[in-house]
Structures are given as C-alpha cells and as structure tokens.
Amino acid sequence: AVGGEMIVPPKTNFDPLIRLRDGTKSLSRTKLALPAFVSSMQLPKESGRVVTAPFVMSAVNGSVVKRSHALRGRNDTKTSPPLPPPTLVYREARSFADVKSALVDYLGTILFLTALLNPVTSKLIDLLQIIPEPGSVMGNISKQTMTNEFYLSVAAVGIGSKGTKLESILYFDRDPGYIDTARMLIESALCLAMDHDVIPKQGGGFYTPSTAFGNVLLDRLCKRGTHFQMRLVQE
C-alpha cells in the first residue's frame, strides 16, 4: 500500500517477463533448457567439453535472459502480421573437474533442498543453526584471500538459427559473490548518475542491466578488472 491506498497490479493473460512498456506481448521468446542431471557441455574449443551439473541460480538467471530477450527482440516487420524471430534456447550449468565432483554437488544440493522443504527437518535446521546468518559466510575469510584467490569464469557458446557460432568469456578476477557484486551495483548506479546521456533511452519500466545500460556498463566493468572477450567462430 502507498499512502494507505492499495496498488492493484495490472492484469495480463501472459507471462509478465515478455510484457512490453505498452502492455503488449513481445514476440521474442525464450525457452529455458536447463539441465536436470549431471551431463557435459561444450565450452569454447580451447577448453573442450566439461562435466556439468545443474546450477541453483540458473532458473533466476534464465528469467533475466528471458526478460532481456523480450525487450531486445526484433520482429520481421516486412510481413503482416510481423513474424516472430526464432526462439532463443537458453542453457546454463555449473562446470566441474570430474564426474565425481559434479555428482557430490548435485546430490548434496538435492538432499539439502529436500531437508529445507520438509517441515520436520527444516525445524532441525533452524534449531541447529545450520544455515549461517546473512553476511556471515565469509566472516573467517580475509579480504586479501577474496581478492587474490577467488574468481569466476563464465564461458558461453551461442549458435544462431542459420549456423553462426559465437564464443565469449566473462572473467572476474576476485570474489564474485561479495566484492564484485558490490562493484557491479556501484557501477550500475554510476551509469545512472554519470552516463545518463549515453545509456539507451527507453523511458520508464522494468529493465535488466543489459537492456538498461548496454555496453556502457560492460565498458565500466572492464576498465576496473573484469575481462570480456567475444569472437566469431563460424559464420
């Protein structure tokens, strides 16, 4: 409620993630093809194939990708009605050095989530304080360790509907969960405060970082430690 008055959300008969500013439905669709078990994935060719397992945040990240694609999508306006572009298929997983490590992570995640959702075991988890308090996970790890020993590497392979293939890598050279998450938030705020003349002009609404800031945010991150590279492998 705002000022004592209830705000009634707009009603739509479709996924709000594909809703455009004018209330219409975007024709650019995304299909989430998230792995359900331990499998393998092809990384950029120098890395070969790696063992993968489901990533607990992939559904959330997939929703962000769906929203971005809906806002960025381009329809074929030469036809009437406009034809939708090919559906974007998004797959995300966590990579491991071997099958054993992937299975341990996969089964451990299932057991923990099962215990968390079970009324009996969830009470035990609370009583035993198994889940740490917010912000306390890294309490015994120094900032120097987080800066010098932690990193995150995100490798991606994109294949177009006509066979075009792109590869990219996004690399953070320090702890991504605390230090670089804070840095990304600050750089996003600086985009609004200092780069408002060059960020995409789209008006109000709900945007993702890529659609709100575009390459402006990426350039800011790369100037301060993040590495990003993309290359065309096959036309």
C-alpha atoms as a PDB file:
ATOM      1  CA  ALA A   1       0.000   0.000   0.000  1.00  0.00           C
ATOM      2  CA  VAL A   2       1.101   3.574  -0.713  1.00  0.00           C
ATOM      3  CA  GLY A   3      -0.434   6.413   1.286  1.00  0.00           C
ATOM      4  CA  GLY A   4      -2.992   3.997   2.689  1.00  0.00           C
ATOM      5  CA  GLU A   5      -4.218   3.007  -0.772  1.00  0.00           C
ATOM      6  CA  MET A   6      -3.727  -0.431  -2.251  1.00  0.00           C
ATOM      7  CA  ILE A   7      -1.957  -0.606  -5.591  1.00  0.00           C
ATOM      8  CA  VAL A   8      -3.650  -3.042  -7.944  1.00  0.00           C
ATOM      9  CA  PRO A   9      -1.125  -4.706 -10.270  1.00  0.00           C
ATOM     10  CA  PRO A  10      -2.003  -4.785 -13.967  1.00  0.00           C
ATOM     11  CA  LYS A  11      -3.664  -7.981 -15.101  1.00  0.00           C
ATOM     12  CA  THR A  12      -2.260  -9.860 -18.071  1.00  0.00           C
ATOM     13  CA  ASN A  13      -3.086 -13.225 -19.523  1.00  0.00           C
ATOM     14  CA  PHE A  14       0.562 -13.930 -20.407  1.00  0.00           C
ATOM     15  CA  ASP A  15       3.996 -14.109 -18.799  1.00  0.00           C
ATOM     16  CA  PRO A  16       4.852 -10.638 -17.409  1.00  0.00           C
ATOM     17  CA  LEU A  17       8.503 -11.197 -18.335  1.00  0.00           C
ATOM     18  CA  ILE A  18       7.584 -10.754 -22.012  1.00  0.00           C
ATOM     19  CA  ARG A  19       5.345  -7.724 -21.423  1.00  0.00           C
ATOM     20  CA  LEU A  20       6.453  -4.575 -23.234  1.00  0.00           C
ATOM     21  CA  ARG A  21       6.053  -0.983 -21.997  1.00  0.00           C
ATOM     22  CA  ASP A  22       2.848  -0.504 -23.981  1.00  0.00           C
ATOM     23  CA  GLY A  23       1.282  -3.590 -22.393  1.00  0.00           C
ATOM     24  CA  THR A  24       1.585  -5.782 -25.469  1.00  0.00           C
ATOM     25  CA  LYS A  25       3.277  -9.157 -25.671  1.00  0.00           C
ATOM     26  CA  SER A  26       6.786  -9.390 -27.101  1.00  0.00           C
ATOM     27  CA  LEU A  27       7.122 -11.833 -29.975  1.00  0.00           C
ATOM     28  CA  SER A  28      10.698 -12.627 -28.946  1.00  0.00           C
ATOM     29  CA  ARG A  29      10.501 -15.785 -26.883  1.00  0.00           C
ATOM     30  CA  THR A  30      12.981 -17.703 -24.742  1.00  0.00           C
ATOM     31  CA  LYS A  31      12.946 -21.398 -23.914  1.00  0.00           C
ATOM     32  CA  LEU A  32      14.826 -22.453 -20.784  1.00  0.00           C
ATOM     33  CA  ALA A  33      16.569 -25.779 -21.436  1.00  0.00           C
ATOM     34  CA  LEU A  34      18.197 -26.134 -18.023  1.00  0.00           C
ATOM     35  CA  PRO A  35      19.888 -29.496 -17.322  1.00  0.00           C
ATOM     36  CA  ALA A  36      18.227 -31.695 -14.705  1.00  0.00           C
ATOM     37  CA  PHE A  37      21.156 -34.038 -14.071  1.00  0.00           C
ATOM     38  CA  VAL A  38      24.925 -34.357 -14.425  1.00  0.00           C
ATOM     39  CA  SER A  39      25.924 -34.101 -18.080  1.00  0.00           C
ATOM     40  CA  SER A  40      28.556 -32.453 -20.274  1.00  0.00           C
ATOM     41  CA  MET A  41      28.794 -29.182 -22.135  1.00  0.00           C
ATOM     42  CA  GLN A  42      30.974 -27.884 -24.954  1.00  0.00           C
ATOM     43  CA  LEU A  43      32.960 -24.813 -23.927  1.00  0.00           C
ATOM     44  CA  PRO A  44      34.997 -22.620 -26.283  1.00  0.00           C
ATOM     45  CA  LYS A  45      37.155 -25.005 -28.307  1.00  0.00           C
ATOM     46  CA  GLU A  46      40.395 -24.496 -26.372  1.00  0.00           C
ATOM     47  CA  SER A  47      38.611 -25.742 -23.229  1.00  0.00           C
ATOM     48  CA  GLY A  48      36.861 -28.723 -24.831  1.00  0.00           C
ATOM     49  CA  ARG A  49      33.980 -30.463 -23.080  1.00  0.00           C
ATOM     50  CA  VAL A  50      33.479 -30.256 -19.326  1.00  0.00           C
ATOM     51  CA  VAL A  51      31.342 -32.131 -16.808  1.00  0.00           C
ATOM     52  CA  THR A  52      28.369 -30.060 -15.689  1.00  0.00           C
ATOM     53  CA  ALA A  53      25.626 -30.169 -13.071  1.00  0.00           C
ATOM     54  CA  PRO A  54      22.517 -28.027 -12.507  1.00  0.00           C
ATOM     55  CA  PHE A  55      23.228 -24.590 -11.039  1.00  0.00           C
ATOM     56  CA  VAL A  56      20.919 -23.473  -8.246  1.00  0.00           C
ATOM     57  CA  MET A  57      20.631 -19.924  -9.656  1.00  0.00           C
ATOM     58  CA  SER A  58      20.099 -20.911 -13.293  1.00  0.00           C
ATOM     59  CA  ALA A  59      16.301 -20.504 -13.170  1.00  0.00           C
ATOM     60  CA  VAL A  60      16.684 -16.962 -11.847  1.00  0.00           C
ATOM     61  CA  ASN A  61      19.335 -16.128 -14.430  1.00  0.00           C
ATOM     62  CA  GLY A  62      17.154 -17.676 -17.105  1.00  0.00           C
ATOM     63  CA  SER A  63      14.296 -15.341 -16.184  1.00  0.00           C
ATOM     64  CA  VAL A  64      16.651 -12.367 -16.581  1.00  0.00           C
ATOM     65  CA  VAL A  65      17.676 -13.648 -20.014  1.00  0.00           C
ATOM     66  CA  LYS A  66      14.009 -14.106 -20.963  1.00  0.00           C
ATOM     67  CA  ARG A  67      13.231 -10.509 -19.952  1.00  0.00           C
ATOM     68  CA  SER A  68      16.263  -9.141 -21.805  1.00  0.00           C
ATOM     69  CA  HIS A  69      15.444 -11.051 -24.961  1.00  0.00           C
ATOM     70  CA  ALA A  70      11.827  -9.925 -24.876  1.00  0.00           C
ATOM     71  CA  LEU A  71      12.908  -6.278 -24.670  1.00  0.00           C
ATOM     72  CA  ARG A  72      15.731  -6.537 -27.197  1.00  0.00           C
ATOM     73  CA  GLY A  73      13.996  -8.788 -29.711  1.00  0.00           C
ATOM     74  CA  ARG A  74      13.348  -7.709 -33.270  1.00  0.00           C
ATOM     75  CA  ASN A  75      10.322  -8.837 -35.250  1.00  0.00           C
ATOM     76  CA  ASP A  76      10.130  -9.258 -39.017  1.00  0.00           C
ATOM     77  CA  THR A  77       8.172  -6.131 -39.876  1.00  0.00           C
ATOM     78  CA  LYS A  78       8.144  -6.913 -43.599  1.00  0.00           C
ATOM     79  CA  THR A  79       5.244  -9.285 -43.072  1.00  0.00           C
ATOM     80  CA  SER A  80       1.744  -8.620 -41.793  1.00  0.00           C
ATOM     81  CA  PRO A  81       1.292  -9.584 -39.066  1.00  0.00           C
ATOM     82  CA  PRO A  82       5.005  -9.423 -38.095  1.00  0.00           C
ATOM     83  CA  LEU A  83       6.717 -12.793 -37.848  1.00  0.00           C
ATOM     84  CA  PRO A  84       8.407 -13.608 -34.532  1.00  0.00           C
ATOM     85  CA  PRO A  85      12.165 -14.231 -34.565  1.00  0.00           C
ATOM     86  CA  PRO A  86      13.476 -17.747 -33.811  1.00  0.00           C
ATOM     87  CA  THR A  87      13.039 -18.798 -30.191  1.00  0.00           C
ATOM     88  CA  LEU A  88      16.130 -18.288 -28.037  1.00  0.00           C
ATOM     89  CA  VAL A  89      17.076 -21.524 -26.244  1.00  0.00           C
ATOM     90  CA  TYR A  90      18.987 -20.824 -23.022  1.00  0.00           C
ATOM     91  CA  ARG A  91      21.008 -23.438 -21.163  1.00  0.00           C
ATOM     92  CA  GLU A  92      23.134 -22.846 -18.077  1.00  0.00           C
ATOM     93  CA  ALA A  93      25.091 -25.191 -15.835  1.00  0.00           C
ATOM     94  CA  ARG A  94      27.977 -25.274 -13.405  1.00  0.00           C
ATOM     95  CA  SER A  95      31.197 -26.935 -14.573  1.00  0.00           C
ATOM     96  CA  PHE A  96      33.344 -29.382 -12.599  1.00  0.00           C
ATOM     97  CA  ALA A  97      36.744 -31.023 -12.990  1.00  0.00           C
ATOM     98  CA  ASP A  98      35.315 -34.571 -12.970  1.00  0.00           C
ATOM     99  CA  VAL A  99      32.111 -36.613 -12.708  1.00  0.00           C
ATOM    100  CA  LYS A 100      32.654 -37.409  -9.021  1.00  0.00           C
ATOM    101  CA  SER A 101      32.761 -33.738  -8.022  1.00  0.00           C
ATOM    102  CA  ALA A 102      29.665 -32.998 -10.108  1.00  0.00           C
ATOM    103  CA  LEU A 103      27.705 -35.883  -8.538  1.00  0.00           C
ATOM    104  CA  VAL A 104      28.653 -34.856  -4.988  1.00  0.00           C
ATOM    105  CA  ASP A 105      27.485 -31.300  -5.649  1.00  0.00           C
ATOM    106  CA  TYR A 106      24.299 -32.465  -7.400  1.00  0.00           C
ATOM    107  CA  LEU A 107      23.251 -34.969  -4.717  1.00  0.00           C
ATOM    108  CA  GLY A 108      24.239 -32.616  -1.894  1.00  0.00           C
ATOM    109  CA  THR A 109      22.055 -29.858  -3.322  1.00  0.00           C
ATOM    110  CA  ILE A 110      19.075 -32.216  -3.662  1.00  0.00           C
ATOM    111  CA  LEU A 111      19.439 -33.506  -0.096  1.00  0.00           C
ATOM    112  CA  PHE A 112      19.789 -30.029   1.350  1.00  0.00           C
ATOM    113  CA  LEU A 113      16.778 -28.607  -0.518  1.00  0.00           C
ATOM    114  CA  THR A 114      14.699 -31.663   0.450  1.00  0.00           C
ATOM    115  CA  ALA A 115      15.598 -31.181   4.105  1.00  0.00           C
ATOM    116  CA  LEU A 116      14.859 -27.467   3.830  1.00  0.00           C
ATOM    117  CA  LEU A 117      11.370 -28.049   2.403  1.00  0.00           C
ATOM    118  CA  ASN A 118      10.458 -30.859   4.795  1.00  0.00           C
ATOM    119  CA  PRO A 119       8.599 -29.441   7.873  1.00  0.00           C
ATOM    120  CA  VAL A 120      10.386 -31.793  10.295  1.00  0.00           C
ATOM    121  CA  THR A 121      13.950 -31.427   9.056  1.00  0.00           C
ATOM    122  CA  SER A 122      13.545 -27.689   8.398  1.00  0.00           C
ATOM    123  CA  LYS A 123      12.894 -27.178  12.129  1.00  0.00           C
ATOM    124  CA  LEU A 124      16.073 -29.101  12.935  1.00  0.00           C
ATOM    125  CA  ILE A 125      17.992 -26.906  10.510  1.00  0.00           C
ATOM    126  CA  ASP A 126      16.711 -23.832  12.360  1.00  0.00           C
ATOM    127  CA  LEU A 127      17.464 -25.275  15.798  1.00  0.00           C
ATOM    128  CA  LEU A 128      20.969 -26.353  14.852  1.00  0.00           C
ATOM    129  CA  GLN A 129      21.574 -23.072  13.004  1.00  0.00           C
ATOM    130  CA  ILE A 130      22.961 -24.923  10.000  1.00  0.00           C
ATOM    131  CA  ILE A 131      22.197 -22.022   7.694  1.00  0.00           C
ATOM    132  CA  PRO A 132      24.539 -19.116   8.533  1.00  0.00           C
ATOM    133  CA  GLU A 133      23.281 -15.604   9.122  1.00  0.00           C
ATOM    134  CA  PRO A 134      23.309 -13.235   6.126  1.00  0.00           C
ATOM    135  CA  GLY A 135      26.753 -11.751   5.600  1.00  0.00           C
ATOM    136  CA  SER A 136      28.499 -14.235   7.917  1.00  0.00           C
ATOM    137  CA  VAL A 137      29.572 -16.839   5.344  1.00  0.00           C
ATOM    138  CA  MET A 138      32.800 -15.018   4.535  1.00  0.00           C
ATOM    139  CA  GLY A 139      33.422 -13.915   8.123  1.00  0.00           C
ATOM    140  CA  ASN A 140      36.576 -16.022   8.539  1.00  0.00           C
ATOM    141  CA  ILE A 141      37.987 -15.235   5.104  1.00  0.00           C
ATOM    142  CA  SER A 142      40.203 -12.198   4.720  1.00  0.00           C
ATOM    143  CA  LYS A 143      39.672  -9.565   2.056  1.00  0.00           C
ATOM    144  CA  GLN A 144      43.139 -10.369   0.738  1.00  0.00           C
ATOM    145  CA  THR A 145      42.122 -14.000   0.167  1.00  0.00           C
ATOM    146  CA  MET A 146      38.883 -12.921  -1.500  1.00  0.00           C
ATOM    147  CA  THR A 147      40.836 -10.614  -3.795  1.00  0.00           C
ATOM    148  CA  ASN A 148      43.794 -12.846  -4.655  1.00  0.00           C
ATOM    149  CA  GLU A 149      42.407 -16.402  -4.603  1.00  0.00           C
ATOM    150  CA  PHE A 150      38.747 -16.196  -5.628  1.00  0.00           C
ATOM    151  CA  TYR A 151      37.495 -15.793  -9.195  1.00  0.00           C
ATOM    152  CA  LEU A 152      34.583 -16.506 -11.518  1.00  0.00           C
ATOM    153  CA  SER A 153      34.784 -17.514 -15.169  1.00  0.00           C
ATOM    154  CA  VAL A 154      31.628 -17.577 -17.294  1.00  0.00           C
ATOM    155  CA  ALA A 155      32.100 -19.228 -20.698  1.00  0.00           C
ATOM    156  CA  ALA A 156      29.337 -19.088 -23.290  1.00  0.00           C
ATOM    157  CA  VAL A 157      28.681 -20.556 -26.721  1.00  0.00           C
ATOM    158  CA  GLY A 158      25.945 -19.110 -28.925  1.00  0.00           C
ATOM    159  CA  ILE A 159      24.655 -20.832 -32.063  1.00  0.00           C
ATOM    160  CA  GLY A 160      22.382 -18.928 -34.439  1.00  0.00           C
ATOM    161  CA  SER A 161      19.400 -20.317 -36.331  1.00  0.00           C
ATOM    162  CA  LYS A 162      21.468 -20.353 -39.549  1.00  0.00           C
ATOM    163  CA  GLY A 163      24.562 -21.936 -38.006  1.00  0.00           C
ATOM    164  CA  THR A 164      26.514 -18.842 -36.985  1.00  0.00           C
ATOM    165  CA  LYS A 165      28.594 -19.613 -33.896  1.00  0.00           C
ATOM    166  CA  LEU A 166      29.967 -17.182 -31.316  1.00  0.00           C
ATOM    167  CA  GLU A 167      32.046 -17.827 -28.217  1.00  0.00           C
ATOM    168  CA  SER A 168      32.590 -15.496 -25.288  1.00  0.00           C
ATOM    169  CA  ILE A 169      34.127 -15.416 -21.841  1.00  0.00           C
ATOM    170  CA  LEU A 170      33.445 -13.132 -18.889  1.00  0.00           C
ATOM    171  CA  TYR A 171      36.072 -13.318 -16.155  1.00  0.00           C
ATOM    172  CA  PHE A 172      36.077 -11.752 -12.673  1.00  0.00           C
ATOM    173  CA  ASP A 173      39.496 -11.850 -11.008  1.00  0.00           C
ATOM    174  CA  ARG A 174      38.251 -11.653  -7.410  1.00  0.00           C
ATOM    175  CA  ASP A 175      35.399 -12.854  -5.193  1.00  0.00           C
ATOM    176  CA  PRO A 176      32.232 -12.515  -7.298  1.00  0.00           C
ATOM    177  CA  GLY A 177      29.706 -13.017  -4.508  1.00  0.00           C
ATOM    178  CA  TYR A 178      30.605 -10.039  -2.318  1.00  0.00           C
ATOM    179  CA  ILE A 179      33.330  -7.795  -3.756  1.00  0.00           C
ATOM    180  CA  ASP A 180      32.392  -7.874  -7.435  1.00  0.00           C
ATOM    181  CA  THR A 181      28.644  -7.972  -6.793  1.00  0.00           C
ATOM    182  CA  ALA A 182      29.050  -4.730  -4.853  1.00  0.00           C
ATOM    183  CA  ARG A 183      31.218  -3.340  -7.668  1.00  0.00           C
ATOM    184  CA  MET A 184      28.577  -4.190 -10.272  1.00  0.00           C
ATOM    185  CA  LEU A 185      25.892  -2.460  -8.198  1.00  0.00           C
ATOM    186  CA  ILE A 186      28.036   0.644  -7.795  1.00  0.00           C
ATOM    187  CA  GLU A 187      28.950   0.762 -11.486  1.00  0.00           C
ATOM    188  CA  SER A 188      25.249   0.436 -12.373  1.00  0.00           C
ATOM    189  CA  ALA A 189      24.458   3.372 -10.108  1.00  0.00           C
ATOM    190  CA  LEU A 190      27.267   5.394 -11.730  1.00  0.00           C
ATOM    191  CA  CYS A 191      25.763   4.639 -15.145  1.00  0.00           C
ATOM    192  CA  LEU A 192      22.560   6.324 -13.999  1.00  0.00           C
ATOM    193  CA  ALA A 193      24.329   9.207 -12.286  1.00  0.00           C
ATOM    194  CA  MET A 194      27.120   9.977 -14.763  1.00  0.00           C
ATOM    195  CA  ASP A 195      26.319   8.282 -18.077  1.00  0.00           C
ATOM    196  CA  HIS A 196      22.655   9.171 -18.468  1.00  0.00           C
ATOM    197  CA  ASP A 197      23.421  10.876 -21.790  1.00  0.00           C
ATOM    198  CA  VAL A 198      24.790   7.699 -23.388  1.00  0.00           C
ATOM    199  CA  ILE A 199      22.802   4.843 -21.864  1.00  0.00           C
ATOM    200  CA  PRO A 200      19.902   3.567 -24.001  1.00  0.00           C
ATOM    201  CA  LYS A 201      16.881   5.868 -23.896  1.00  0.00           C
ATOM    202  CA  GLN A 202      13.839   3.745 -23.220  1.00  0.00           C
ATOM    203  CA  GLY A 203      11.616   5.550 -20.722  1.00  0.00           C
ATOM    204  CA  GLY A 204      10.244   4.013 -17.545  1.00  0.00           C
ATOM    205  CA  GLY A 205       9.645   0.348 -16.929  1.00  0.00           C
ATOM    206  CA  PHE A 206      11.321  -2.787 -15.603  1.00  0.00           C
ATOM    207  CA  TYR A 207      14.661  -3.468 -17.272  1.00  0.00           C
ATOM    208  CA  THR A 208      17.592  -5.799 -16.869  1.00  0.00           C
ATOM    209  CA  PRO A 209      21.162  -4.436 -16.618  1.00  0.00           C
ATOM    210  CA  SER A 210      21.947  -5.302 -20.239  1.00  0.00           C
ATOM    211  CA  THR A 211      18.848  -3.562 -21.620  1.00  0.00           C
ATOM    212  CA  ALA A 212      19.085  -0.583 -19.261  1.00  0.00           C
ATOM    213  CA  PHE A 213      22.805   0.137 -19.616  1.00  0.00           C
ATOM    214  CA  GLY A 214      24.057  -1.906 -22.582  1.00  0.00           C
ATOM    215  CA  ASN A 215      27.779  -1.665 -23.341  1.00  0.00           C
ATOM    216  CA  VAL A 216      28.118   1.365 -21.066  1.00  0.00           C
ATOM    217  CA  LEU A 217      28.047  -0.879 -18.000  1.00  0.00           C
ATOM    218  CA  LEU A 218      30.239  -3.522 -19.644  1.00  0.00           C
ATOM    219  CA  ASP A 219      32.867  -0.905 -20.503  1.00  0.00           C
ATOM    220  CA  ARG A 220      32.857   0.375 -16.921  1.00  0.00           C
ATOM    221  CA  LEU A 221      33.378  -3.128 -15.536  1.00  0.00           C
ATOM    222  CA  CYS A 222      36.168  -3.949 -17.995  1.00  0.00           C
ATOM    223  CA  LYS A 223      38.061  -0.766 -17.103  1.00  0.00           C
ATOM    224  CA  ARG A 224      38.210  -1.908 -13.473  1.00  0.00           C
ATOM    225  CA  GLY A 225      39.240  -5.551 -13.556  1.00  0.00           C
ATOM    226  CA  THR A 226      36.625  -7.573 -15.427  1.00  0.00           C
ATOM    227  CA  HIS A 227      37.708  -9.285 -18.638  1.00  0.00           C
ATOM    228  CA  PHE A 228      35.296  -9.830 -21.528  1.00  0.00           C
ATOM    229  CA  GLN A 229      36.063 -11.275 -24.932  1.00  0.00           C
ATOM    230  CA  MET A 230      33.838 -12.476 -27.766  1.00  0.00           C
ATOM    231  CA  ARG A 231      34.780 -13.972 -31.096  1.00  0.00           C
ATOM    232  CA  LEU A 232      33.110 -15.282 -34.227  1.00  0.00           C
ATOM    233  CA  VAL A 233      33.905 -18.968 -34.742  1.00  0.00           C
ATOM    234  CA  GLN A 234      31.686 -19.780 -37.693  1.00  0.00           C
ATOM    235  CA  GLU A 235      29.618 -17.564 -39.961  1.00  0.00           C
END
